[in-house]
Amino acid sequence: MSVSPDEASIATLIRTYFDSMFESSKDKVDASFHPNAVIAGIFQGKFVEMSRDEFGQFVARNQPSAKESGDTARLDIISIDIAGNTAVALVRDDYLGSTFLDTLSLIKLHDQWSIYNKLFHVEGAA
C-alpha cells in the first residue's frame, strides 16, 4: 500500500512532535505546532489547556529528557485522515510515565503541515 506525499509529510511532522517531548525540545514543539495551537485534556483529574509556547516551556522543563534518561521511545500512529488541507491523526505515545492517546488536528498552509490542536487522553501508566 503506497503512502501519499501528504501522509508521509504528516508522519514526519508527528515524529518531530514526539521527538519534542522525548528530547525535551521547545524548538521541536515550535517546529511541529502552529503558533496559535491549543493543547488540552484532562491530566491528574484536572482540565489542562496550554498555548504552543506554554506547552514548549513545559516540555523543555522536563530534564533530563526521556531520551537522556534512556527511556524506551513509544510512538504509534494509529490513523491519519486527510481532507484537502486539513487532517486528523490519532496517535498513542508514552510520556512522563503515562500512555497518552492524542487526537491531532492539522492544517496545511503554504505547502507545510502543522498541528493546530492537540486533545490528549491519559490511558494509564506507561
N, C-alpha and C. Protein backbone atom coordinates (compact mmCIF):
# COMPACT_ATOMS: atom_id res chain seq x y z
N MET A 1 0.84 -1.17 0.00
CA MET A 1 0.00 0.00 0.00
C MET A 1 0.89 1.25 0.00
N SER A 2 0.67 2.13 -0.95
CA SER A 2 1.51 3.31 -1.06
C SER A 2 0.99 4.43 -0.15
N VAL A 3 1.90 5.26 0.26
CA VAL A 3 1.59 6.39 1.13
C VAL A 3 1.67 7.66 0.29
N SER A 4 0.68 8.52 0.42
CA SER A 4 0.68 9.77 -0.34
C SER A 4 1.74 10.71 0.22
N PRO A 5 2.17 11.70 -0.59
CA PRO A 5 3.14 12.67 -0.08
C PRO A 5 2.64 13.40 1.17
N ASP A 6 1.34 13.71 1.23
CA ASP A 6 0.80 14.38 2.42
C ASP A 6 0.86 13.46 3.64
N GLU A 7 0.53 12.18 3.47
CA GLU A 7 0.62 11.24 4.60
C GLU A 7 2.06 11.13 5.09
N ALA A 8 3.00 11.08 4.18
CA ALA A 8 4.42 11.00 4.56
C ALA A 8 4.84 12.27 5.30
N SER A 9 4.41 13.44 4.82
CA SER A 9 4.75 14.70 5.49
C SER A 9 4.15 14.76 6.89
N ILE A 10 2.90 14.30 7.02
CA ILE A 10 2.24 14.31 8.33
C ILE A 10 2.94 13.34 9.27
N ALA A 11 3.30 12.17 8.79
CA ALA A 11 4.00 11.20 9.64
C ALA A 11 5.34 11.76 10.12
N THR A 12 6.05 12.48 9.25
CA THR A 12 7.31 13.11 9.64
C THR A 12 7.06 14.19 10.69
N LEU A 13 6.01 14.98 10.49
CA LEU A 13 5.64 16.02 11.45
C LEU A 13 5.30 15.41 12.81
N ILE A 14 4.54 14.32 12.81
CA ILE A 14 4.18 13.65 14.06
C ILE A 14 5.44 13.14 14.76
N ARG A 15 6.39 12.66 14.00
CA ARG A 15 7.66 12.19 14.58
C ARG A 15 8.40 13.37 15.24
N THR A 16 8.40 14.53 14.59
CA THR A 16 9.02 15.72 15.17
C THR A 16 8.31 16.11 16.46
N TYR A 17 6.97 16.05 16.45
CA TYR A 17 6.17 16.33 17.65
C TYR A 17 6.57 15.37 18.77
N PHE A 18 6.64 14.07 18.48
CA PHE A 18 7.01 13.10 19.50
C PHE A 18 8.43 13.36 20.00
N ASP A 19 9.35 13.60 19.07
CA ASP A 19 10.74 13.87 19.45
C ASP A 19 10.84 15.10 20.34
N SER A 20 9.95 16.09 20.15
CA SER A 20 9.99 17.28 21.00
C SER A 20 9.83 16.89 22.46
N MET A 21 8.92 15.97 22.73
CA MET A 21 8.71 15.52 24.11
C MET A 21 9.82 14.58 24.56
N PHE A 22 10.21 13.65 23.71
CA PHE A 22 11.22 12.65 24.05
C PHE A 22 12.57 13.31 24.33
N GLU A 23 12.85 14.43 23.62
CA GLU A 23 14.13 15.12 23.76
C GLU A 23 14.03 16.40 24.59
N SER A 24 12.83 16.70 25.12
CA SER A 24 12.58 17.94 25.88
C SER A 24 13.00 19.17 25.08
N SER A 25 12.53 19.24 23.82
CA SER A 25 12.94 20.29 22.89
C SER A 25 11.81 21.27 22.57
N LYS A 26 11.92 22.49 23.09
CA LYS A 26 10.94 23.52 22.75
C LYS A 26 11.03 23.86 21.26
N ASP A 27 12.23 23.84 20.69
CA ASP A 27 12.39 24.13 19.26
C ASP A 27 11.58 23.16 18.40
N LYS A 28 11.54 21.89 18.79
CA LYS A 28 10.77 20.92 18.01
C LYS A 28 9.27 21.08 18.25
N VAL A 29 8.87 21.55 19.44
CA VAL A 29 7.46 21.91 19.66
C VAL A 29 7.09 23.03 18.69
N ASP A 30 7.92 24.06 18.64
CA ASP A 30 7.66 25.20 17.76
C ASP A 30 7.62 24.77 16.29
N ALA A 31 8.45 23.81 15.92
CA ALA A 31 8.51 23.35 14.54
C ALA A 31 7.29 22.51 14.15
N SER A 32 6.64 21.87 15.11
CA SER A 32 5.53 20.98 14.77
C SER A 32 4.15 21.58 14.99
N PHE A 33 4.05 22.61 15.84
CA PHE A 33 2.74 23.20 16.14
C PHE A 33 2.58 24.57 15.48
N HIS A 34 1.38 24.87 15.03
CA HIS A 34 1.03 26.20 14.53
C HIS A 34 1.18 27.19 15.69
N PRO A 35 1.58 28.43 15.44
CA PRO A 35 1.75 29.41 16.53
C PRO A 35 0.50 29.61 17.39
N ASN A 36 -0.69 29.41 16.82
CA ASN A 36 -1.94 29.60 17.58
C ASN A 36 -2.51 28.29 18.12
N ALA A 37 -1.73 27.23 18.12
CA ALA A 37 -2.22 25.92 18.55
C ALA A 37 -2.65 25.93 20.01
N VAL A 38 -3.59 25.03 20.29
CA VAL A 38 -4.07 24.81 21.66
C VAL A 38 -3.87 23.34 21.99
N ILE A 39 -3.35 23.08 23.17
CA ILE A 39 -3.13 21.73 23.68
C ILE A 39 -4.03 21.59 24.90
N ALA A 40 -4.90 20.57 24.91
CA ALA A 40 -5.86 20.46 26.01
C ALA A 40 -6.19 19.01 26.30
N GLY A 41 -6.58 18.77 27.57
CA GLY A 41 -7.01 17.46 28.00
C GLY A 41 -7.16 17.42 29.51
N ILE A 42 -7.46 16.26 30.02
CA ILE A 42 -7.60 16.05 31.45
C ILE A 42 -6.34 15.33 31.93
N PHE A 43 -5.63 15.95 32.88
CA PHE A 43 -4.42 15.36 33.43
C PHE A 43 -4.52 15.38 34.95
N GLN A 44 -4.36 14.22 35.57
CA GLN A 44 -4.46 14.06 37.02
C GLN A 44 -5.76 14.67 37.55
N GLY A 45 -6.85 14.42 36.81
CA GLY A 45 -8.18 14.85 37.23
C GLY A 45 -8.50 16.31 36.99
N LYS A 46 -7.59 17.04 36.35
CA LYS A 46 -7.81 18.47 36.12
C LYS A 46 -7.75 18.80 34.64
N PHE A 47 -8.61 19.74 34.22
CA PHE A 47 -8.57 20.21 32.85
C PHE A 47 -7.33 21.05 32.65
N VAL A 48 -6.56 20.74 31.61
CA VAL A 48 -5.33 21.44 31.28
C VAL A 48 -5.48 22.04 29.88
N GLU A 49 -5.12 23.30 29.75
CA GLU A 49 -5.15 23.97 28.45
C GLU A 49 -3.90 24.83 28.33
N MET A 50 -3.17 24.65 27.23
CA MET A 50 -1.92 25.38 27.03
C MET A 50 -1.84 25.91 25.61
N SER A 51 -1.12 27.02 25.48
CA SER A 51 -0.74 27.52 24.16
C SER A 51 0.49 26.74 23.68
N ARG A 52 0.87 26.95 22.44
CA ARG A 52 2.09 26.31 21.93
C ARG A 52 3.29 26.72 22.78
N ASP A 53 3.38 27.99 23.11
CA ASP A 53 4.50 28.48 23.91
C ASP A 53 4.53 27.85 25.29
N GLU A 54 3.37 27.78 25.94
CA GLU A 54 3.30 27.16 27.27
C GLU A 54 3.66 25.68 27.21
N PHE A 55 3.18 24.99 26.18
CA PHE A 55 3.50 23.57 26.02
C PHE A 55 5.00 23.39 25.77
N GLY A 56 5.58 24.25 24.94
CA GLY A 56 7.01 24.18 24.67
C GLY A 56 7.84 24.38 25.92
N GLN A 57 7.43 25.33 26.76
CA GLN A 57 8.13 25.57 28.01
C GLN A 57 7.98 24.38 28.96
N PHE A 58 6.78 23.79 29.00
CA PHE A 58 6.54 22.60 29.82
C PHE A 58 7.45 21.46 29.38
N VAL A 59 7.50 21.21 28.08
CA VAL A 59 8.32 20.14 27.54
C VAL A 59 9.80 20.38 27.87
N ALA A 60 10.26 21.61 27.70
CA ALA A 60 11.68 21.94 27.93
C ALA A 60 12.07 21.79 29.40
N ARG A 61 11.12 21.98 30.31
CA ARG A 61 11.43 21.86 31.75
C ARG A 61 11.65 20.42 32.20
N ASN A 62 11.18 19.46 31.44
CA ASN A 62 11.31 18.06 31.83
C ASN A 62 12.72 17.57 31.52
N GLN A 63 13.61 17.77 32.50
CA GLN A 63 15.03 17.44 32.38
C GLN A 63 15.43 16.45 33.46
N PRO A 64 16.29 15.51 33.22
CA PRO A 64 16.80 15.21 31.90
C PRO A 64 15.67 14.68 31.00
N SER A 65 15.86 14.78 29.71
CA SER A 65 14.84 14.30 28.77
C SER A 65 14.70 12.79 28.89
N ALA A 66 13.59 12.29 28.39
CA ALA A 66 13.37 10.84 28.37
C ALA A 66 14.47 10.15 27.58
N LYS A 67 14.90 10.77 26.49
CA LYS A 67 15.98 10.20 25.69
C LYS A 67 17.28 10.12 26.50
N GLU A 68 17.63 11.20 27.19
CA GLU A 68 18.85 11.23 28.00
C GLU A 68 18.77 10.23 29.16
N SER A 69 17.55 9.98 29.65
CA SER A 69 17.36 9.04 30.75
C SER A 69 17.37 7.59 30.29
N GLY A 70 17.41 7.38 28.97
CA GLY A 70 17.44 6.01 28.44
C GLY A 70 16.08 5.35 28.39
N ASP A 71 15.01 6.15 28.47
CA ASP A 71 13.66 5.59 28.38
C ASP A 71 13.43 5.01 26.98
N THR A 72 12.52 4.07 26.90
CA THR A 72 12.14 3.48 25.62
C THR A 72 11.14 4.39 24.92
N ALA A 73 11.40 4.70 23.67
CA ALA A 73 10.50 5.55 22.89
C ALA A 73 9.31 4.72 22.42
N ARG A 74 8.11 5.29 22.58
CA ARG A 74 6.92 4.61 22.07
C ARG A 74 6.05 5.62 21.36
N LEU A 75 5.89 5.42 20.07
CA LEU A 75 5.02 6.24 19.25
C LEU A 75 4.30 5.33 18.27
N ASP A 76 2.98 5.31 18.32
CA ASP A 76 2.16 4.55 17.39
C ASP A 76 1.23 5.52 16.68
N ILE A 77 1.38 5.64 15.37
CA ILE A 77 0.44 6.43 14.58
C ILE A 77 -0.69 5.49 14.21
N ILE A 78 -1.84 5.68 14.83
CA ILE A 78 -2.97 4.79 14.64
C ILE A 78 -3.69 5.08 13.34
N SER A 79 -3.90 6.37 13.06
CA SER A 79 -4.59 6.73 11.82
C SER A 79 -4.25 8.15 11.42
N ILE A 80 -4.34 8.39 10.12
CA ILE A 80 -4.23 9.72 9.55
C ILE A 80 -5.34 9.84 8.51
N ASP A 81 -6.23 10.80 8.71
CA ASP A 81 -7.32 11.04 7.76
C ASP A 81 -7.16 12.45 7.21
N ILE A 82 -7.04 12.54 5.89
CA ILE A 82 -6.79 13.82 5.23
C ILE A 82 -8.02 14.25 4.45
N ALA A 83 -8.37 15.52 4.59
CA ALA A 83 -9.46 16.12 3.82
C ALA A 83 -8.95 17.46 3.29
N GLY A 84 -8.43 17.45 2.07
CA GLY A 84 -7.90 18.67 1.49
C GLY A 84 -6.69 19.17 2.26
N ASN A 85 -6.79 20.40 2.79
CA ASN A 85 -5.69 21.00 3.55
C ASN A 85 -5.86 20.82 5.05
N THR A 86 -6.71 19.90 5.45
CA THR A 86 -6.87 19.58 6.86
C THR A 86 -6.69 18.08 7.06
N ALA A 87 -6.36 17.72 8.28
CA ALA A 87 -6.18 16.29 8.59
C ALA A 87 -6.39 16.08 10.09
N VAL A 88 -6.69 14.83 10.42
CA VAL A 88 -6.79 14.42 11.81
C VAL A 88 -5.95 13.16 11.97
N ALA A 89 -5.14 13.13 13.00
CA ALA A 89 -4.30 11.96 13.28
C ALA A 89 -4.58 11.50 14.71
N LEU A 90 -4.65 10.20 14.88
CA LEU A 90 -4.78 9.59 16.20
C LEU A 90 -3.46 8.92 16.51
N VAL A 91 -2.88 9.28 17.65
CA VAL A 91 -1.52 8.86 18.00
C VAL A 91 -1.48 8.37 19.44
N ARG A 92 -0.77 7.29 19.67
CA ARG A 92 -0.54 6.79 21.04
C ARG A 92 0.94 6.90 21.34
N ASP A 93 1.24 7.48 22.50
CA ASP A 93 2.64 7.64 22.88
C ASP A 93 2.78 7.57 24.39
N ASP A 94 3.98 7.26 24.83
CA ASP A 94 4.30 7.26 26.26
C ASP A 94 5.10 8.52 26.56
N TYR A 95 4.70 9.18 27.67
CA TYR A 95 5.37 10.41 28.07
C TYR A 95 5.17 10.60 29.56
N LEU A 96 6.22 10.90 30.26
CA LEU A 96 6.18 11.17 31.71
C LEU A 96 5.51 10.03 32.49
N GLY A 97 5.78 8.80 32.07
CA GLY A 97 5.27 7.65 32.80
C GLY A 97 3.83 7.29 32.51
N SER A 98 3.20 7.95 31.54
CA SER A 98 1.82 7.67 31.18
C SER A 98 1.70 7.37 29.69
N THR A 99 0.66 6.62 29.34
CA THR A 99 0.34 6.39 27.94
C THR A 99 -0.77 7.35 27.55
N PHE A 100 -0.50 8.12 26.51
CA PHE A 100 -1.44 9.13 26.02
C PHE A 100 -2.02 8.69 24.69
N LEU A 101 -3.29 9.00 24.49
CA LEU A 101 -3.94 8.88 23.20
C LEU A 101 -4.25 10.30 22.77
N ASP A 102 -3.55 10.76 21.73
CA ASP A 102 -3.65 12.14 21.26
C ASP A 102 -4.46 12.20 19.98
N THR A 103 -5.37 13.16 19.92
CA THR A 103 -6.07 13.49 18.69
C THR A 103 -5.48 14.80 18.20
N LEU A 104 -4.82 14.74 17.05
CA LEU A 104 -4.14 15.90 16.50
C LEU A 104 -4.91 16.41 15.28
N SER A 105 -5.28 17.69 15.30
CA SER A 105 -5.89 18.34 14.14
C SER A 105 -4.78 19.11 13.44
N LEU A 106 -4.67 18.91 12.14
CA LEU A 106 -3.59 19.51 11.38
C LEU A 106 -4.12 20.40 10.26
N ILE A 107 -3.32 21.37 9.88
CA ILE A 107 -3.65 22.27 8.78
C ILE A 107 -2.43 22.40 7.88
N LYS A 108 -2.69 22.49 6.58
CA LYS A 108 -1.60 22.67 5.61
C LYS A 108 -1.67 24.10 5.08
N LEU A 109 -0.65 24.88 5.40
CA LEU A 109 -0.56 26.26 4.94
C LEU A 109 0.77 26.44 4.22
N HIS A 110 0.75 27.05 3.05
CA HIS A 110 1.97 27.30 2.28
C HIS A 110 2.75 26.00 2.07
N ASP A 111 2.01 24.93 1.75
CA ASP A 111 2.58 23.60 1.49
C ASP A 111 3.29 22.97 2.68
N GLN A 112 2.95 23.40 3.89
CA GLN A 112 3.56 22.82 5.08
C GLN A 112 2.48 22.49 6.10
N TRP A 113 2.55 21.27 6.63
CA TRP A 113 1.60 20.83 7.65
C TRP A 113 2.07 21.29 9.02
N SER A 114 1.09 21.61 9.88
CA SER A 114 1.39 21.88 11.29
C SER A 114 0.21 21.40 12.13
N ILE A 115 0.48 21.13 13.39
CA ILE A 115 -0.57 20.71 14.33
C ILE A 115 -1.25 21.97 14.84
N TYR A 116 -2.57 22.03 14.65
CA TYR A 116 -3.31 23.21 15.10
C TYR A 116 -3.94 22.99 16.47
N ASN A 117 -4.36 21.76 16.74
CA ASN A 117 -4.91 21.43 18.06
C ASN A 117 -4.46 20.04 18.46
N LYS A 118 -4.24 19.89 19.76
CA LYS A 118 -3.94 18.58 20.33
C LYS A 118 -4.89 18.37 21.51
N LEU A 119 -5.69 17.33 21.42
CA LEU A 119 -6.50 16.89 22.56
C LEU A 119 -5.88 15.59 23.04
N PHE A 120 -5.61 15.52 24.34
CA PHE A 120 -4.98 14.31 24.85
C PHE A 120 -5.87 13.63 25.89
N HIS A 121 -5.74 12.31 25.92
CA HIS A 121 -6.42 11.46 26.89
C HIS A 121 -5.37 10.57 27.52
N VAL A 122 -5.32 10.52 28.84
CA VAL A 122 -4.39 9.63 29.53
C VAL A 122 -5.05 8.27 29.66
N GLU A 123 -4.44 7.26 29.04
CA GLU A 123 -5.00 5.91 29.11
C GLU A 123 -4.59 5.18 30.39
N GLY A 124 -3.46 5.56 30.95
CA GLY A 124 -2.99 4.90 32.16
C GLY A 124 -1.47 4.97 32.24
N ALA A 125 -0.92 4.21 33.16
CA ALA A 125 0.53 4.18 33.33
C ALA A 125 1.18 3.54 32.13
N ALA A 126 2.37 4.05 31.78
CA ALA A 126 3.11 3.50 30.63
C ALA A 126 3.72 2.18 30.99
